[in-house]
Amino acid sequence: MAKVEKFALHIPTLEELVGVLQNGLKENFADVEVSVVDCPDLTQEPFKFPVKGICGNPRIADVGGVPYLLPLVQKDKVYDLNTVAKEIQLPGAFFLGAGAVSSRVVGGNAELIPIVQAQSGKSPAVNGSYLARINPEDGGCLLEKYSSKYKDCEFGLLANLYASEGLPGKVIKVKANRRTGDQNFISCIRKTLEKCYGDKPVGMGGTFVIQKGKAKFHVMPSEFSECPLKTDAEVNNWLKFFEMKAPLICQPVLVSTDPGVDLRLEHTHGFSHHGEGGHYHEDTTPETVEYLGYFVPAEFLFRIDRPKHTHLVGRD
């Protein structure tokens, strides 16, 4: 049984967060509009999630970690979202976020874009996840619906997850267009929260759409590196980078500051309906980019199976 550590997060009101984010994002984007709204029906385009919303007992789980991938992979690190739902005290949780596939299921390495309603009682899990891997035929990005090939809810090595009951409710809507600063959309939000709340950790998750423009994403190679990857430069040389085009639907998980449990402070994966997806880094068209996001502050943080031996390589 993996060790589970639980922490209460600082929870500002939605109205307070509106003001904080409005001011912070203005330093990085030309047009910013932050408000409290009813969560849109996420079963509809472009999301097509298995639930209507991202509200109800919101919490964040940081499972495993990059040290299980780097410098050399530990393939025995395998987890299940149905188990994680119980470990975070929310059976039947709806998960969004970013992680890695279970290589024993998929047969290799790939980016996982988890979109899963865990099993509850007699209700089976609903897996709407995607995976992005390197196409062996042309070296491009191959985005696949997870359930088209696999029937499980496993993942491997690491995941950053936002969990809720998947209910409608009030959310923070963030529109940000035309980037003027050097921070990506999620880094700007996280650093704004860190600046405002200091050592009181604020966590948020949800979904955002890159509605216009293009963005830099990476996809991990299907083969794990046999040579130890010990620096960010070595990791970036191993990863495959792509410029992907809007619309891209992304699932961010962020915590403003680490309460001392070796968190990955921000992690965002995304998918599309045109065959592109992976790990989001930043937009590449600042003058035309348009972001539209929906976020909820989390009440609790769960750190599951924290690596005993850690490092800071490969975390952007």
C-alpha atoms as a PDB file:
ATOM      1  CA  MET A   1       0.000   0.000   0.000  1.00  0.00           C
ATOM      2  CA  ALA A   2       1.476   3.353  -1.062  1.00  0.00           C
ATOM      3  CA  LYS A   3       1.991   5.944   1.669  1.00  0.00           C
ATOM      4  CA  VAL A   4      -0.695   8.651   1.583  1.00  0.00           C
ATOM      5  CA  GLU A   5      -0.124  12.088   3.125  1.00  0.00           C
ATOM      6  CA  LYS A   6      -3.052  14.514   3.459  1.00  0.00           C
ATOM      7  CA  PHE A   7      -2.927  18.306   3.802  1.00  0.00           C
ATOM      8  CA  ALA A   8      -5.609  20.966   4.080  1.00  0.00           C
ATOM      9  CA  LEU A   9      -5.113  23.707   1.498  1.00  0.00           C
ATOM     10  CA  HIS A  10      -5.835  27.398   1.891  1.00  0.00           C
ATOM     11  CA  ILE A  11      -9.192  28.050   0.193  1.00  0.00           C
ATOM     12  CA  PRO A  12      -9.838  31.659  -0.847  1.00  0.00           C
ATOM     13  CA  THR A  13     -13.384  32.525  -1.898  1.00  0.00           C
ATOM     14  CA  LEU A  14     -14.092  32.496  -5.624  1.00  0.00           C
ATOM     15  CA  GLU A  15     -14.772  36.245  -5.490  1.00  0.00           C
ATOM     16  CA  GLU A  16     -11.409  36.897  -3.845  1.00  0.00           C
ATOM     17  CA  LEU A  17      -9.608  34.761  -6.432  1.00  0.00           C
ATOM     18  CA  VAL A  18     -11.261  36.735  -9.243  1.00  0.00           C
ATOM     19  CA  GLY A  19      -9.558  39.932  -8.092  1.00  0.00           C
ATOM     20  CA  VAL A  20      -6.216  38.253  -7.437  1.00  0.00           C
ATOM     21  CA  LEU A  21      -6.105  36.528 -10.836  1.00  0.00           C
ATOM     22  CA  GLN A  22      -7.399  39.569 -12.740  1.00  0.00           C
ATOM     23  CA  ASN A  23      -4.513  41.683 -11.431  1.00  0.00           C
ATOM     24  CA  GLY A  24      -1.884  38.974 -11.837  1.00  0.00           C
ATOM     25  CA  LEU A  25      -2.800  37.945 -15.355  1.00  0.00           C
ATOM     26  CA  LYS A  26      -2.853  41.572 -16.528  1.00  0.00           C
ATOM     27  CA  GLU A  27       0.920  41.586 -16.114  1.00  0.00           C
ATOM     28  CA  ASN A  28       1.244  38.784 -18.661  1.00  0.00           C
ATOM     29  CA  PHE A  29      -1.704  39.202 -21.066  1.00  0.00           C
ATOM     30  CA  ALA A  30      -3.147  42.182 -22.926  1.00  0.00           C
ATOM     31  CA  ASP A  31      -6.808  41.177 -22.482  1.00  0.00           C
ATOM     32  CA  VAL A  32      -7.939  39.548 -19.240  1.00  0.00           C
ATOM     33  CA  GLU A  33     -11.438  38.791 -17.970  1.00  0.00           C
ATOM     34  CA  VAL A  34     -11.944  36.775 -14.765  1.00  0.00           C
ATOM     35  CA  SER A  35     -15.392  36.055 -13.304  1.00  0.00           C
ATOM     36  CA  VAL A  36     -17.474  33.599 -11.285  1.00  0.00           C
ATOM     37  CA  VAL A  37     -19.877  31.623 -13.479  1.00  0.00           C
ATOM     38  CA  ASP A  38     -21.863  28.408 -13.545  1.00  0.00           C
ATOM     39  CA  CYS A  39     -19.675  25.615 -14.893  1.00  0.00           C
ATOM     40  CA  PRO A  40     -20.563  24.943 -18.525  1.00  0.00           C
ATOM     41  CA  ASP A  41     -21.871  21.485 -19.404  1.00  0.00           C
ATOM     42  CA  LEU A  42     -18.596  19.631 -19.950  1.00  0.00           C
ATOM     43  CA  THR A  43     -20.317  16.734 -21.704  1.00  0.00           C
ATOM     44  CA  GLN A  44     -20.661  19.096 -24.673  1.00  0.00           C
ATOM     45  CA  GLU A  45     -18.141  20.216 -27.309  1.00  0.00           C
ATOM     46  CA  PRO A  46     -15.252  20.722 -27.215  1.00  0.00           C
ATOM     47  CA  PHE A  47     -14.738  18.832 -23.929  1.00  0.00           C
ATOM     48  CA  LYS A  48     -16.959  15.758 -24.265  1.00  0.00           C
ATOM     49  CA  PHE A  49     -16.168  14.715 -20.697  1.00  0.00           C
ATOM     50  CA  PRO A  50     -18.168  11.907 -19.036  1.00  0.00           C
ATOM     51  CA  VAL A  51     -19.497  14.333 -16.374  1.00  0.00           C
ATOM     52  CA  LYS A  52     -21.159  17.738 -16.460  1.00  0.00           C
ATOM     53  CA  GLY A  53     -18.862  19.693 -14.131  1.00  0.00           C
ATOM     54  CA  ILE A  54     -15.741  19.959 -11.989  1.00  0.00           C
ATOM     55  CA  CYS A  55     -17.355  20.756  -8.635  1.00  0.00           C
ATOM     56  CA  GLY A  56     -17.988  18.823  -5.427  1.00  0.00           C
ATOM     57  CA  ASN A  57     -15.319  18.025  -2.813  1.00  0.00           C
ATOM     58  CA  PRO A  58     -12.437  19.292  -4.987  1.00  0.00           C
ATOM     59  CA  ARG A  59      -9.009  17.878  -4.193  1.00  0.00           C
ATOM     60  CA  ILE A  60      -5.578  17.387  -5.698  1.00  0.00           C
ATOM     61  CA  ALA A  61      -3.444  14.245  -5.766  1.00  0.00           C
ATOM     62  CA  ASP A  62       0.263  14.187  -6.608  1.00  0.00           C
ATOM     63  CA  VAL A  63       1.084  10.520  -7.216  1.00  0.00           C
ATOM     64  CA  GLY A  64       4.592   9.096  -7.606  1.00  0.00           C
ATOM     65  CA  GLY A  65       6.948  11.526  -9.261  1.00  0.00           C
ATOM     66  CA  VAL A  66       9.562  12.312 -11.883  1.00  0.00           C
ATOM     67  CA  PRO A  67      12.249  10.460  -9.850  1.00  0.00           C
ATOM     68  CA  TYR A  68      10.493   7.221 -10.863  1.00  0.00           C
ATOM     69  CA  LEU A  69      11.162   8.133 -14.518  1.00  0.00           C
ATOM     70  CA  LEU A  70      14.562   9.835 -14.239  1.00  0.00           C
ATOM     71  CA  PRO A  71      17.467   9.244 -14.290  1.00  0.00           C
ATOM     72  CA  LEU A  72      16.337   5.670 -15.052  1.00  0.00           C
ATOM     73  CA  VAL A  73      12.800   4.316 -15.204  1.00  0.00           C
ATOM     74  CA  GLN A  74      11.253   2.241 -12.401  1.00  0.00           C
ATOM     75  CA  LYS A  75       8.651   0.273 -14.358  1.00  0.00           C
ATOM     76  CA  ASP A  76       7.252  -1.361 -11.230  1.00  0.00           C
ATOM     77  CA  LYS A  77       5.653   1.956 -10.240  1.00  0.00           C
ATOM     78  CA  VAL A  78       2.078   1.304 -11.379  1.00  0.00           C
ATOM     79  CA  TYR A  79      -1.117   2.817  -9.976  1.00  0.00           C
ATOM     80  CA  ASP A  80      -4.863   2.645 -10.571  1.00  0.00           C
ATOM     81  CA  LEU A  81      -7.249   5.606 -10.604  1.00  0.00           C
ATOM     82  CA  ASN A  82      -9.969   3.570  -8.904  1.00  0.00           C
ATOM     83  CA  THR A  83      -7.579   2.965  -6.010  1.00  0.00           C
ATOM     84  CA  VAL A  84      -6.473   6.597  -5.961  1.00  0.00           C
ATOM     85  CA  ALA A  85     -10.121   7.664  -5.654  1.00  0.00           C
ATOM     86  CA  LYS A  86     -10.397   5.641  -2.443  1.00  0.00           C
ATOM     87  CA  GLU A  87      -7.038   6.898  -1.164  1.00  0.00           C
ATOM     88  CA  ILE A  88      -8.186  10.515  -1.516  1.00  0.00           C
ATOM     89  CA  GLN A  89     -11.433   9.627   0.271  1.00  0.00           C
ATOM     90  CA  LEU A  90     -13.616  10.261  -2.786  1.00  0.00           C
ATOM     91  CA  PRO A  91     -14.799   6.948  -4.302  1.00  0.00           C
ATOM     92  CA  GLY A  92     -16.236   7.561  -7.751  1.00  0.00           C
ATOM     93  CA  ALA A  93     -14.134  10.707  -8.179  1.00  0.00           C
ATOM     94  CA  PHE A  94     -13.886  12.421 -11.537  1.00  0.00           C
ATOM     95  CA  PHE A  95     -10.231  12.933 -12.458  1.00  0.00           C
ATOM     96  CA  LEU A  96      -8.547  15.411 -14.779  1.00  0.00           C
ATOM     97  CA  GLY A  97      -4.822  16.018 -15.063  1.00  0.00           C
ATOM     98  CA  ALA A  98      -1.496  14.863 -16.413  1.00  0.00           C
ATOM     99  CA  GLY A  99       0.458  11.641 -16.071  1.00  0.00           C
ATOM    100  CA  ALA A 100       2.214   8.748 -17.776  1.00  0.00           C
ATOM    101  CA  VAL A 101       0.677   5.528 -19.038  1.00  0.00           C
ATOM    102  CA  SER A 102       1.311   2.154 -17.479  1.00  0.00           C
ATOM    103  CA  SER A 103       3.971   0.709 -19.779  1.00  0.00           C
ATOM    104  CA  ARG A 104       2.957  -2.835 -18.837  1.00  0.00           C
ATOM    105  CA  VAL A 105      -0.501  -2.163 -20.305  1.00  0.00           C
ATOM    106  CA  VAL A 106       0.445   0.009 -23.288  1.00  0.00           C
ATOM    107  CA  GLY A 107       3.699  -1.793 -24.087  1.00  0.00           C
ATOM    108  CA  GLY A 108       5.812   1.360 -24.034  1.00  0.00           C
ATOM    109  CA  ASN A 109       6.015   4.888 -22.782  1.00  0.00           C
ATOM    110  CA  ALA A 110       3.434   7.595 -23.561  1.00  0.00           C
ATOM    111  CA  GLU A 111       1.775  10.720 -22.209  1.00  0.00           C
ATOM    112  CA  LEU A 112      -1.538  10.122 -20.426  1.00  0.00           C
ATOM    113  CA  ILE A 113      -4.277  12.744 -20.493  1.00  0.00           C
ATOM    114  CA  PRO A 114      -6.537  11.337 -17.732  1.00  0.00           C
ATOM    115  CA  ILE A 115     -10.269  12.041 -17.969  1.00  0.00           C
ATOM    116  CA  VAL A 116     -11.788   9.357 -15.767  1.00  0.00           C
ATOM    117  CA  GLN A 117     -14.806   8.876 -13.545  1.00  0.00           C
ATOM    118  CA  ALA A 118     -13.692   6.165 -11.126  1.00  0.00           C
ATOM    119  CA  GLN A 119     -15.902   3.222 -10.262  1.00  0.00           C
ATOM    120  CA  SER A 120     -18.397   3.695  -7.456  1.00  0.00           C
ATOM    121  CA  GLY A 121     -20.549   1.034  -5.872  1.00  0.00           C
ATOM    122  CA  LYS A 122     -21.995  -0.916  -8.745  1.00  0.00           C
ATOM    123  CA  SER A 123     -21.149   1.738 -11.335  1.00  0.00           C
ATOM    124  CA  PRO A 124     -18.121   0.829 -13.471  1.00  0.00           C
ATOM    125  CA  ALA A 125     -15.416   3.373 -14.249  1.00  0.00           C
ATOM    126  CA  VAL A 126     -15.877   5.586 -17.299  1.00  0.00           C
ATOM    127  CA  ASN A 127     -12.540   6.217 -18.993  1.00  0.00           C
ATOM    128  CA  GLY A 128     -12.531   9.196 -21.378  1.00  0.00           C
ATOM    129  CA  SER A 129      -8.739   9.533 -21.313  1.00  0.00           C
ATOM    130  CA  TYR A 130      -6.392  10.066 -24.231  1.00  0.00           C
ATOM    131  CA  LEU A 131      -2.813   8.982 -24.700  1.00  0.00           C
ATOM    132  CA  ALA A 132      -0.213  10.663 -26.871  1.00  0.00           C
ATOM    133  CA  ARG A 133       2.739   8.707 -28.155  1.00  0.00           C
ATOM    134  CA  ILE A 134       5.312   8.876 -30.905  1.00  0.00           C
ATOM    135  CA  ASN A 135       4.045   7.390 -34.160  1.00  0.00           C
ATOM    136  CA  PRO A 136       6.566   4.673 -35.118  1.00  0.00           C
ATOM    137  CA  GLU A 137       5.813   5.222 -38.800  1.00  0.00           C
ATOM    138  CA  ASP A 138       6.679   8.914 -39.135  1.00  0.00           C
ATOM    139  CA  GLY A 139       7.969  10.114 -35.754  1.00  0.00           C
ATOM    140  CA  GLY A 140       4.970  12.415 -35.352  1.00  0.00           C
ATOM    141  CA  CYS A 141       2.433  12.651 -32.544  1.00  0.00           C
ATOM    142  CA  LEU A 142      -0.139   9.874 -32.375  1.00  0.00           C
ATOM    143  CA  LEU A 143      -3.140  10.750 -30.202  1.00  0.00           C
ATOM    144  CA  GLU A 144      -5.497   7.912 -29.318  1.00  0.00           C
ATOM    145  CA  LYS A 145      -8.643   7.507 -27.235  1.00  0.00           C
ATOM    146  CA  TYR A 146      -7.545   5.273 -24.367  1.00  0.00           C
ATOM    147  CA  SER A 147     -10.735   3.205 -24.283  1.00  0.00           C
ATOM    148  CA  SER A 148     -10.368   2.332 -27.969  1.00  0.00           C
ATOM    149  CA  LYS A 149      -7.593  -0.116 -27.009  1.00  0.00           C
ATOM    150  CA  TYR A 150      -7.555  -0.611 -23.231  1.00  0.00           C
ATOM    151  CA  LYS A 151     -10.159  -1.413 -20.584  1.00  0.00           C
ATOM    152  CA  ASP A 152      -8.316  -0.458 -17.379  1.00  0.00           C
ATOM    153  CA  CYS A 153      -7.668   2.726 -15.378  1.00  0.00           C
ATOM    154  CA  GLU A 154      -3.966   2.149 -14.755  1.00  0.00           C
ATOM    155  CA  PHE A 155      -1.163   4.682 -15.023  1.00  0.00           C
ATOM    156  CA  GLY A 156       2.532   4.551 -14.307  1.00  0.00           C
ATOM    157  CA  LEU A 157       5.356   6.474 -12.634  1.00  0.00           C
ATOM    158  CA  LEU A 158       3.622   9.784 -11.927  1.00  0.00           C
ATOM    159  CA  ALA A 159       0.428  11.786 -12.184  1.00  0.00           C
ATOM    160  CA  ASN A 160      -0.884  15.144 -11.083  1.00  0.00           C
ATOM    161  CA  LEU A 161      -4.614  14.887 -10.644  1.00  0.00           C
ATOM    162  CA  TYR A 162      -7.518  17.212  -9.928  1.00  0.00           C
ATOM    163  CA  ALA A 163     -10.456  15.284  -8.508  1.00  0.00           C
ATOM    164  CA  SER A 164     -14.059  16.260  -7.810  1.00  0.00           C
ATOM    165  CA  GLU A 165     -17.525  14.736  -7.788  1.00  0.00           C
ATOM    166  CA  GLY A 166     -17.948  15.902 -11.390  1.00  0.00           C
ATOM    167  CA  LEU A 167     -20.916  18.084 -10.509  1.00  0.00           C
ATOM    168  CA  PRO A 168     -22.204  21.388 -11.879  1.00  0.00           C
ATOM    169  CA  GLY A 169     -21.527  24.423  -9.707  1.00  0.00           C
ATOM    170  CA  LYS A 170     -19.784  27.772  -9.486  1.00  0.00           C
ATOM    171  CA  VAL A 171     -16.322  28.017 -11.082  1.00  0.00           C
ATOM    172  CA  ILE A 172     -13.784  30.678 -11.924  1.00  0.00           C
ATOM    173  CA  LYS A 173     -13.850  31.551 -15.602  1.00  0.00           C
ATOM    174  CA  VAL A 174     -10.603  32.962 -16.983  1.00  0.00           C
ATOM    175  CA  LYS A 175     -10.245  34.534 -20.418  1.00  0.00           C
ATOM    176  CA  ALA A 176      -6.741  35.680 -21.372  1.00  0.00           C
ATOM    177  CA  ASN A 177      -5.730  36.807 -24.851  1.00  0.00           C
ATOM    178  CA  ARG A 178      -2.537  38.108 -26.450  1.00  0.00           C
ATOM    179  CA  ARG A 179       0.363  37.182 -24.191  1.00  0.00           C
ATOM    180  CA  THR A 180       2.686  40.094 -23.423  1.00  0.00           C
ATOM    181  CA  GLY A 181       4.878  38.469 -20.749  1.00  0.00           C
ATOM    182  CA  ASP A 182       7.161  35.451 -20.711  1.00  0.00           C
ATOM    183  CA  GLN A 183       5.095  33.111 -18.501  1.00  0.00           C
ATOM    184  CA  ASN A 184       2.762  30.474 -19.843  1.00  0.00           C
ATOM    185  CA  PHE A 185      -0.921  30.597 -18.872  1.00  0.00           C
ATOM    186  CA  ILE A 186      -0.688  28.194 -15.914  1.00  0.00           C
ATOM    187  CA  SER A 187       2.661  29.466 -14.607  1.00  0.00           C
ATOM    188  CA  CYS A 188       1.223  32.977 -14.532  1.00  0.00           C
ATOM    189  CA  ILE A 189      -1.798  31.797 -12.518  1.00  0.00           C
ATOM    190  CA  ARG A 190       0.334  29.764 -10.107  1.00  0.00           C
ATOM    191  CA  LYS A 191       2.927  32.476  -9.522  1.00  0.00           C
ATOM    192  CA  THR A 192       0.158  35.027  -9.005  1.00  0.00           C
ATOM    193  CA  LEU A 193      -1.271  32.823  -6.260  1.00  0.00           C
ATOM    194  CA  GLU A 194       2.168  32.272  -4.751  1.00  0.00           C
ATOM    195  CA  LYS A 195       2.839  36.011  -4.686  1.00  0.00           C
ATOM    196  CA  CYS A 196      -0.499  36.717  -2.998  1.00  0.00           C
ATOM    197  CA  TYR A 197      -0.710  33.859  -0.497  1.00  0.00           C
ATOM    198  CA  GLY A 198       2.964  33.174   0.252  1.00  0.00           C
ATOM    199  CA  ASP A 199       3.539  30.017   2.274  1.00  0.00           C
ATOM    200  CA  LYS A 200      -0.206  29.204   2.427  1.00  0.00           C
ATOM    201  CA  PRO A 201      -0.609  26.649  -0.396  1.00  0.00           C
ATOM    202  CA  VAL A 202      -3.518  27.226  -2.782  1.00  0.00           C
ATOM    203  CA  GLY A 203      -4.319  24.441  -5.234  1.00  0.00           C
ATOM    204  CA  MET A 204      -6.458  24.611  -8.347  1.00  0.00           C
ATOM    205  CA  GLY A 205      -7.497  22.381 -11.195  1.00  0.00           C
ATOM    206  CA  GLY A 206      -9.942  22.287 -14.050  1.00  0.00           C
ATOM    207  CA  THR A 207      -9.730  22.673 -17.783  1.00  0.00           C
ATOM    208  CA  PHE A 208      -8.821  25.323 -20.335  1.00  0.00           C
ATOM    209  CA  VAL A 209      -9.004  25.609 -24.096  1.00  0.00           C
ATOM    210  CA  ILE A 210      -6.390  27.205 -26.305  1.00  0.00           C
ATOM    211  CA  GLN A 211      -8.976  28.618 -28.691  1.00  0.00           C
ATOM    212  CA  LYS A 212      -6.665  30.353 -31.148  1.00  0.00           C
ATOM    213  CA  GLY A 213      -2.976  30.160 -31.955  1.00  0.00           C
ATOM    214  CA  LYS A 214      -0.379  27.431 -31.572  1.00  0.00           C
ATOM    215  CA  ALA A 215       1.511  25.964 -28.638  1.00  0.00           C
ATOM    216  CA  LYS A 216       4.652  24.016 -27.797  1.00  0.00           C
ATOM    217  CA  PHE A 217       3.984  20.503 -26.493  1.00  0.00           C
ATOM    218  CA  HIS A 218       6.183  17.483 -25.894  1.00  0.00           C
ATOM    219  CA  VAL A 219       5.569  13.758 -26.170  1.00  0.00           C
ATOM    220  CA  MET A 220       7.845  11.235 -24.455  1.00  0.00           C
ATOM    221  CA  PRO A 221       9.503   8.609 -26.673  1.00  0.00           C
ATOM    222  CA  SER A 222       8.008   5.116 -26.606  1.00  0.00           C
ATOM    223  CA  GLU A 223      11.342   3.684 -25.471  1.00  0.00           C
ATOM    224  CA  PHE A 224      12.625   4.627 -22.030  1.00  0.00           C
ATOM    225  CA  SER A 225      16.167   5.982 -22.020  1.00  0.00           C
ATOM    226  CA  GLU A 226      18.800   3.326 -21.323  1.00  0.00           C
ATOM    227  CA  CYS A 227      21.318   6.056 -20.500  1.00  0.00           C
ATOM    228  CA  PRO A 228      20.700   7.899 -17.217  1.00  0.00           C
ATOM    229  CA  LEU A 229      19.133  11.315 -17.820  1.00  0.00           C
ATOM    230  CA  LYS A 230      20.655  13.575 -15.162  1.00  0.00           C
ATOM    231  CA  THR A 231      20.124  17.138 -16.448  1.00  0.00           C
ATOM    232  CA  ASP A 232      17.264  19.129 -17.970  1.00  0.00           C
ATOM    233  CA  ALA A 233      19.313  19.425 -21.162  1.00  0.00           C
ATOM    234  CA  GLU A 234      19.591  15.638 -21.424  1.00  0.00           C
ATOM    235  CA  VAL A 235      15.869  15.272 -20.765  1.00  0.00           C
ATOM    236  CA  ASN A 236      14.953  17.858 -23.417  1.00  0.00           C
ATOM    237  CA  ASN A 237      17.201  16.099 -25.908  1.00  0.00           C
ATOM    238  CA  TRP A 238      15.309  12.858 -25.210  1.00  0.00           C
ATOM    239  CA  LEU A 239      11.820  14.360 -25.419  1.00  0.00           C
ATOM    240  CA  LYS A 240      10.115  15.034 -28.759  1.00  0.00           C
ATOM    241  CA  PHE A 241       8.770  18.574 -29.154  1.00  0.00           C
ATOM    242  CA  PHE A 242       5.949  19.693 -31.432  1.00  0.00           C
ATOM    243  CA  GLU A 243       4.101  22.864 -32.303  1.00  0.00           C
ATOM    244  CA  MET A 244       0.412  22.040 -32.075  1.00  0.00           C
ATOM    245  CA  LYS A 245      -2.536  24.048 -33.314  1.00  0.00           C
ATOM    246  CA  ALA A 246      -5.744  25.223 -31.632  1.00  0.00           C
ATOM    247  CA  PRO A 247      -8.222  24.205 -30.456  1.00  0.00           C
ATOM    248  CA  LEU A 248      -6.450  22.278 -27.701  1.00  0.00           C
ATOM    249  CA  ILE A 249      -8.291  21.147 -24.547  1.00  0.00           C
ATOM    250  CA  CYS A 250      -5.949  21.108 -21.552  1.00  0.00           C
ATOM    251  CA  GLN A 251      -6.193  19.737 -18.007  1.00  0.00           C
ATOM    252  CA  PRO A 252      -4.023  21.721 -15.561  1.00  0.00           C
ATOM    253  CA  VAL A 253      -3.171  20.896 -11.958  1.00  0.00           C
ATOM    254  CA  LEU A 254      -1.323  23.489  -9.886  1.00  0.00           C
ATOM    255  CA  VAL A 255      -0.330  24.222  -6.299  1.00  0.00           C
ATOM    256  CA  SER A 256       1.015  27.674  -5.481  1.00  0.00           C
ATOM    257  CA  THR A 257       3.762  26.466  -3.123  1.00  0.00           C
ATOM    258  CA  ASP A 258       5.115  23.161  -1.813  1.00  0.00           C
ATOM    259  CA  PRO A 259       4.326  22.454   1.872  1.00  0.00           C
ATOM    260  CA  GLY A 260       7.410  20.235   1.960  1.00  0.00           C
ATOM    261  CA  VAL A 261       6.259  17.033   0.225  1.00  0.00           C
ATOM    262  CA  ASP A 262       8.218  17.205  -3.051  1.00  0.00           C
ATOM    263  CA  LEU A 263       5.337  18.391  -5.249  1.00  0.00           C
ATOM    264  CA  ARG A 264       5.340  19.044  -8.931  1.00  0.00           C
ATOM    265  CA  LEU A 265       3.857  22.531  -8.646  1.00  0.00           C
ATOM    266  CA  GLU A 266       2.235  22.607 -12.078  1.00  0.00           C
ATOM    267  CA  HIS A 267       1.560  20.010 -14.741  1.00  0.00           C
ATOM    268  CA  THR A 268      -0.718  20.280 -17.769  1.00  0.00           C
ATOM    269  CA  HIS A 269      -1.576  17.773 -20.489  1.00  0.00           C
ATOM    270  CA  GLY A 270      -3.949  18.400 -23.361  1.00  0.00           C
ATOM    271  CA  PHE A 271      -5.742  16.754 -26.265  1.00  0.00           C
ATOM    272  CA  SER A 272      -7.562  17.834 -29.397  1.00  0.00           C
ATOM    273  CA  HIS A 273     -10.118  16.500 -31.826  1.00  0.00           C
ATOM    274  CA  HIS A 274      -7.637  16.799 -34.711  1.00  0.00           C
ATOM    275  CA  GLY A 275      -5.055  14.257 -33.562  1.00  0.00           C
ATOM    276  CA  GLU A 276      -2.614  16.338 -31.509  1.00  0.00           C
ATOM    277  CA  GLY A 277      -1.911  16.252 -27.791  1.00  0.00           C
ATOM    278  CA  GLY A 278       0.665  15.806 -25.046  1.00  0.00           C
ATOM    279  CA  HIS A 279       2.405  17.916 -22.381  1.00  0.00           C
ATOM    280  CA  TYR A 280       1.760  21.662 -22.603  1.00  0.00           C
ATOM    281  CA  HIS A 281       4.713  24.055 -22.287  1.00  0.00           C
ATOM    282  CA  GLU A 282       3.655  27.434 -23.693  1.00  0.00           C
ATOM    283  CA  ASP A 283       1.949  29.108 -26.609  1.00  0.00           C
ATOM    284  CA  THR A 284       4.166  29.965 -29.574  1.00  0.00           C
ATOM    285  CA  THR A 285       1.903  32.663 -31.028  1.00  0.00           C
ATOM    286  CA  PRO A 286       1.665  35.254 -28.224  1.00  0.00           C
ATOM    287  CA  GLU A 287       0.145  37.961 -30.421  1.00  0.00           C
ATOM    288  CA  THR A 288      -2.864  35.830 -31.412  1.00  0.00           C
ATOM    289  CA  VAL A 289      -3.295  33.265 -28.614  1.00  0.00           C
ATOM    290  CA  GLU A 290      -6.643  33.049 -26.807  1.00  0.00           C
ATOM    291  CA  TYR A 291      -7.189  31.064 -23.602  1.00  0.00           C
ATOM    292  CA  LEU A 292     -10.514  30.174 -21.980  1.00  0.00           C
ATOM    293  CA  GLY A 293     -10.385  28.264 -18.696  1.00  0.00           C
ATOM    294  CA  TYR A 294     -12.582  27.041 -15.852  1.00  0.00           C
ATOM    295  CA  PHE A 295     -11.006  26.445 -12.442  1.00  0.00           C
ATOM    296  CA  VAL A 296     -11.930  25.437  -8.892  1.00  0.00           C
ATOM    297  CA  PRO A 297      -9.748  25.830  -5.778  1.00  0.00           C
ATOM    298  CA  ALA A 298      -9.092  22.481  -4.090  1.00  0.00           C
ATOM    299  CA  GLU A 299      -9.814  21.819  -0.429  1.00  0.00           C
ATOM    300  CA  PHE A 300      -7.215  19.106   0.179  1.00  0.00           C
ATOM    301  CA  LEU A 301      -3.901  17.901  -1.192  1.00  0.00           C
ATOM    302  CA  PHE A 302      -2.931  14.232  -1.135  1.00  0.00           C
ATOM    303  CA  ARG A 303       0.681  13.146  -1.664  1.00  0.00           C
ATOM    304  CA  ILE A 304       0.749   9.486  -2.634  1.00  0.00           C
ATOM    305  CA  ASP A 305       3.886   7.313  -2.824  1.00  0.00           C
ATOM    306  CA  ARG A 306       6.346  10.199  -2.530  1.00  0.00           C
ATOM    307  CA  PRO A 307       9.801   9.152  -3.840  1.00  0.00           C
ATOM    308  CA  LYS A 308      12.383   8.656  -1.077  1.00  0.00           C
ATOM    309  CA  HIS A 309      15.213   9.812  -3.343  1.00  0.00           C
ATOM    310  CA  THR A 310      14.377  12.951  -5.256  1.00  0.00           C
ATOM    311  CA  HIS A 311      15.721  15.653  -7.578  1.00  0.00           C
ATOM    312  CA  LEU A 312      14.408  18.627  -9.532  1.00  0.00           C
ATOM    313  CA  VAL A 313      15.288  17.477 -13.065  1.00  0.00           C
ATOM    314  CA  GLY A 314      12.542  17.225 -15.695  1.00  0.00           C
ATOM    315  CA  ARG A 315       9.794  19.108 -13.901  1.00  0.00           C
ATOM    316  CA  ASP A 316       8.830  21.767 -16.438  1.00  0.00           C
END
